[in-house]
């Protein structure tokens, strides 16, 4: 299976999602270090986790699109299923 995403728009969207998650994670770390409210920390941490999960699903969706366009889709679909399940 190809390891690179070829859809530049998908790459940009995924990278932006991960950069937002990175910023959220930095805020969580700062809140923990500063003794922030535990409810707010958990809420922010949940948001980070969701953002990372959505980015992972977006990567898999882009890879699935590539499989549809390629001839070797049966093998690739098995690999994608394994990747998809690893996110759950």
N, C-alpha and C. Protein backbone atom coordinates (compact mmCIF):
# COMPACT_ATOMS: atom_id res chain seq x y z
N UNK A 1 0.84 -1.17 0.00
CA UNK A 1 0.00 0.00 0.00
C UNK A 1 0.89 1.23 0.00
N UNK A 2 0.53 2.20 -0.79
CA UNK A 2 1.26 3.45 -0.83
C UNK A 2 1.16 4.16 0.51
N UNK A 3 2.26 4.73 0.97
CA UNK A 3 2.24 5.38 2.27
C UNK A 3 2.00 6.88 2.16
N UNK A 4 2.00 7.42 0.96
CA UNK A 4 1.83 8.86 0.79
C UNK A 4 0.43 9.19 0.33
N UNK A 5 -0.09 10.29 0.83
CA UNK A 5 -1.36 10.80 0.35
C UNK A 5 -1.08 11.66 -0.87
N UNK A 6 -1.87 11.47 -1.92
CA UNK A 6 -1.63 12.19 -3.17
C UNK A 6 -2.58 13.38 -3.35
N UNK A 7 -3.66 13.42 -2.60
CA UNK A 7 -4.64 14.49 -2.71
C UNK A 7 -4.16 15.68 -1.88
N UNK A 8 -3.66 16.71 -2.55
CA UNK A 8 -3.08 17.85 -1.85
C UNK A 8 -4.09 18.56 -0.96
N UNK A 9 -5.35 18.62 -1.39
CA UNK A 9 -6.38 19.25 -0.58
C UNK A 9 -6.61 18.46 0.71
N UNK A 10 -6.64 17.13 0.60
CA UNK A 10 -6.82 16.28 1.78
C UNK A 10 -5.63 16.43 2.72
N UNK A 11 -4.44 16.49 2.17
CA UNK A 11 -3.23 16.66 2.99
C UNK A 11 -3.30 17.98 3.76
N UNK A 12 -3.71 19.04 3.08
CA UNK A 12 -3.82 20.35 3.72
C UNK A 12 -4.85 20.32 4.85
N UNK A 13 -6.02 19.73 4.59
CA UNK A 13 -7.08 19.66 5.61
C UNK A 13 -6.63 18.84 6.82
N UNK A 14 -5.98 17.71 6.57
CA UNK A 14 -5.53 16.84 7.66
C UNK A 14 -4.44 17.55 8.47
N UNK A 15 -3.50 18.19 7.79
CA UNK A 15 -2.43 18.90 8.49
C UNK A 15 -3.01 20.03 9.34
N UNK A 16 -3.99 20.76 8.81
CA UNK A 16 -4.61 21.83 9.58
C UNK A 16 -5.32 21.29 10.81
N UNK A 17 -6.01 20.17 10.66
CA UNK A 17 -6.70 19.55 11.80
C UNK A 17 -5.70 19.15 12.88
N UNK A 18 -4.57 18.58 12.46
CA UNK A 18 -3.55 18.16 13.42
C UNK A 18 -2.86 19.35 14.08
N UNK A 19 -2.69 20.43 13.34
CA UNK A 19 -2.10 21.64 13.93
C UNK A 19 -3.03 22.23 14.98
N UNK A 20 -4.35 22.20 14.72
CA UNK A 20 -5.30 22.66 15.73
C UNK A 20 -5.23 21.78 16.96
N UNK A 21 -5.15 20.46 16.75
CA UNK A 21 -5.04 19.53 17.87
C UNK A 21 -3.76 19.79 18.66
N UNK A 22 -2.69 20.11 17.95
CA UNK A 22 -1.42 20.41 18.61
C UNK A 22 -1.58 21.64 19.52
N UNK A 23 -2.27 22.65 19.04
CA UNK A 23 -2.53 23.84 19.84
C UNK A 23 -3.40 23.53 21.05
N UNK A 24 -4.42 22.70 20.85
CA UNK A 24 -5.28 22.29 21.95
C UNK A 24 -4.48 21.51 22.99
N UNK A 25 -3.60 20.64 22.53
CA UNK A 25 -2.79 19.85 23.45
C UNK A 25 -1.86 20.75 24.26
N UNK A 26 -1.28 21.75 23.62
CA UNK A 26 -0.43 22.70 24.34
C UNK A 26 -1.23 23.40 25.43
N UNK A 27 -2.48 23.74 25.13
CA UNK A 27 -3.34 24.38 26.14
C UNK A 27 -3.64 23.43 27.29
N UNK A 28 -3.82 22.15 27.00
CA UNK A 28 -4.07 21.16 28.05
C UNK A 28 -2.84 21.05 28.95
N UNK A 29 -1.68 20.96 28.34
CA UNK A 29 -0.44 20.85 29.12
C UNK A 29 -0.27 22.07 30.01
N UNK A 30 -0.50 23.25 29.44
CA UNK A 30 -0.37 24.48 30.23
C UNK A 30 -1.37 24.49 31.38
N UNK A 31 -2.59 24.07 31.12
CA UNK A 31 -3.61 24.05 32.17
C UNK A 31 -3.23 23.09 33.29
N UNK A 32 -2.68 21.95 32.94
CA UNK A 32 -2.26 20.98 33.96
C UNK A 32 -1.11 21.55 34.78
N UNK A 33 -0.12 22.12 34.09
CA UNK A 33 1.04 22.68 34.80
C UNK A 33 0.65 23.86 35.70
N UNK A 34 -0.40 24.57 35.32
CA UNK A 34 -0.82 25.75 36.09
C UNK A 34 -1.91 25.41 37.11
N UNK A 35 -2.23 24.12 37.23
CA UNK A 35 -3.24 23.72 38.20
C UNK A 35 -4.65 24.09 37.79
N UNK A 36 -4.93 24.00 36.51
CA UNK A 36 -6.25 24.36 35.99
C UNK A 36 -7.35 23.45 36.50
N UNK A 37 -8.57 23.91 36.31
CA UNK A 37 -9.75 23.15 36.73
C UNK A 37 -9.78 21.80 36.02
N UNK A 38 -9.96 20.73 36.80
CA UNK A 38 -9.90 19.38 36.22
C UNK A 38 -11.00 19.15 35.19
N UNK A 39 -12.17 19.74 35.39
CA UNK A 39 -13.24 19.57 34.39
C UNK A 39 -12.87 20.20 33.07
N UNK A 40 -12.27 21.37 33.11
CA UNK A 40 -11.85 22.04 31.88
C UNK A 40 -10.73 21.26 31.20
N UNK A 41 -9.80 20.74 32.00
CA UNK A 41 -8.69 19.94 31.44
C UNK A 41 -9.24 18.71 30.73
N UNK A 42 -10.17 18.01 31.38
CA UNK A 42 -10.74 16.80 30.77
C UNK A 42 -11.51 17.16 29.49
N UNK A 43 -12.25 18.27 29.52
CA UNK A 43 -12.99 18.70 28.34
C UNK A 43 -12.03 19.00 27.19
N UNK A 44 -10.94 19.72 27.49
CA UNK A 44 -9.95 20.04 26.45
C UNK A 44 -9.25 18.78 25.95
N UNK A 45 -8.95 17.88 26.86
CA UNK A 45 -8.29 16.64 26.47
C UNK A 45 -9.20 15.80 25.57
N UNK A 46 -10.47 15.80 25.87
CA UNK A 46 -11.44 15.10 25.03
C UNK A 46 -11.48 15.71 23.62
N UNK A 47 -11.41 17.03 23.55
CA UNK A 47 -11.41 17.71 22.25
C UNK A 47 -10.16 17.33 21.45
N UNK A 48 -9.01 17.27 22.12
CA UNK A 48 -7.76 16.88 21.45
C UNK A 48 -7.88 15.46 20.91
N UNK A 49 -8.36 14.57 21.74
CA UNK A 49 -8.51 13.16 21.35
C UNK A 49 -9.43 13.03 20.14
N UNK A 50 -10.54 13.74 20.17
CA UNK A 50 -11.47 13.70 19.04
C UNK A 50 -10.86 14.25 17.76
N UNK A 51 -10.11 15.34 17.89
CA UNK A 51 -9.47 15.94 16.71
C UNK A 51 -8.45 14.99 16.09
N UNK A 52 -7.70 14.31 16.92
CA UNK A 52 -6.71 13.36 16.42
C UNK A 52 -7.40 12.16 15.77
N UNK A 53 -8.46 11.68 16.39
CA UNK A 53 -9.23 10.58 15.80
C UNK A 53 -9.78 10.97 14.44
N UNK A 54 -10.36 12.17 14.34
CA UNK A 54 -10.92 12.62 13.06
C UNK A 54 -9.83 12.74 12.00
N UNK A 55 -8.65 13.18 12.40
CA UNK A 55 -7.54 13.27 11.44
C UNK A 55 -7.16 11.87 10.95
N UNK A 56 -7.12 10.91 11.87
CA UNK A 56 -6.81 9.53 11.47
C UNK A 56 -7.83 8.97 10.50
N UNK A 57 -9.11 9.23 10.79
CA UNK A 57 -10.15 8.76 9.88
C UNK A 57 -10.07 9.45 8.52
N UNK A 58 -9.68 10.72 8.52
CA UNK A 58 -9.52 11.44 7.26
C UNK A 58 -8.38 10.85 6.44
N UNK A 59 -7.30 10.45 7.10
CA UNK A 59 -6.17 9.81 6.39
C UNK A 59 -6.65 8.50 5.76
N UNK A 60 -7.40 7.71 6.53
CA UNK A 60 -7.90 6.43 6.01
C UNK A 60 -8.87 6.66 4.87
N UNK A 61 -9.74 7.66 5.00
CA UNK A 61 -10.69 7.95 3.92
C UNK A 61 -9.96 8.34 2.64
N UNK A 62 -8.91 9.13 2.77
CA UNK A 62 -8.12 9.52 1.59
C UNK A 62 -7.44 8.29 0.98
N UNK A 63 -6.94 7.41 1.83
CA UNK A 63 -6.29 6.20 1.33
C UNK A 63 -7.32 5.29 0.65
N UNK A 64 -8.53 5.23 1.19
CA UNK A 64 -9.58 4.42 0.56
C UNK A 64 -9.91 4.97 -0.83
N UNK A 65 -9.93 6.29 -0.94
CA UNK A 65 -10.19 6.91 -2.25
C UNK A 65 -9.12 6.49 -3.25
N UNK A 66 -7.86 6.45 -2.79
CA UNK A 66 -6.77 6.02 -3.67
C UNK A 66 -6.97 4.57 -4.08
N UNK A 67 -7.46 3.72 -3.16
CA UNK A 67 -7.68 2.31 -3.48
C UNK A 67 -8.73 2.14 -4.55
N UNK A 68 -9.75 2.97 -4.49
CA UNK A 68 -10.82 2.89 -5.49
C UNK A 68 -10.25 3.21 -6.86
N UNK A 69 -9.29 4.11 -6.90
CA UNK A 69 -8.69 4.52 -8.16
C UNK A 69 -7.64 3.53 -8.66
N UNK A 70 -7.10 2.69 -7.77
CA UNK A 70 -6.07 1.72 -8.14
C UNK A 70 -6.69 0.37 -8.47
N UNK A 71 -5.93 -0.48 -9.11
CA UNK A 71 -6.41 -1.81 -9.48
C UNK A 71 -6.29 -2.82 -8.34
N UNK A 72 -5.36 -2.65 -7.45
CA UNK A 72 -5.02 -3.62 -6.41
C UNK A 72 -5.84 -3.38 -5.14
N UNK A 73 -7.15 -3.13 -5.30
CA UNK A 73 -7.94 -2.67 -4.16
C UNK A 73 -8.24 -3.74 -3.13
N UNK A 74 -8.32 -5.01 -3.49
CA UNK A 74 -8.68 -6.04 -2.51
C UNK A 74 -7.66 -6.13 -1.38
N UNK A 75 -6.39 -6.21 -1.72
CA UNK A 75 -5.33 -6.26 -0.72
C UNK A 75 -5.30 -4.96 0.08
N UNK A 76 -5.40 -3.87 -0.59
CA UNK A 76 -5.34 -2.58 0.08
C UNK A 76 -6.51 -2.39 1.03
N UNK A 77 -7.69 -2.85 0.65
CA UNK A 77 -8.85 -2.70 1.52
C UNK A 77 -8.64 -3.47 2.82
N UNK A 78 -8.02 -4.63 2.77
CA UNK A 78 -7.73 -5.40 3.98
C UNK A 78 -6.77 -4.62 4.88
N UNK A 79 -5.77 -4.01 4.27
CA UNK A 79 -4.82 -3.20 5.04
C UNK A 79 -5.51 -1.98 5.64
N UNK A 80 -6.41 -1.34 4.86
CA UNK A 80 -7.12 -0.18 5.35
C UNK A 80 -8.06 -0.54 6.49
N UNK A 81 -8.69 -1.70 6.38
CA UNK A 81 -9.57 -2.14 7.46
C UNK A 81 -8.77 -2.30 8.76
N UNK A 82 -7.59 -2.87 8.64
CA UNK A 82 -6.72 -3.04 9.82
C UNK A 82 -6.35 -1.67 10.41
N UNK A 83 -6.01 -0.72 9.56
CA UNK A 83 -5.69 0.62 10.04
C UNK A 83 -6.89 1.27 10.69
N UNK A 84 -8.04 1.14 10.06
CA UNK A 84 -9.28 1.72 10.58
C UNK A 84 -9.57 1.18 11.98
N UNK A 85 -9.46 -0.12 12.12
CA UNK A 85 -9.74 -0.74 13.42
C UNK A 85 -8.72 -0.35 14.48
N UNK A 86 -7.51 -0.02 14.07
CA UNK A 86 -6.50 0.40 15.03
C UNK A 86 -6.84 1.74 15.67
N UNK A 87 -7.72 2.52 15.04
CA UNK A 87 -8.13 3.80 15.61
C UNK A 87 -9.25 3.68 16.61
N UNK A 88 -9.87 2.51 16.65
CA UNK A 88 -11.02 2.37 17.55
C UNK A 88 -10.62 1.92 18.94
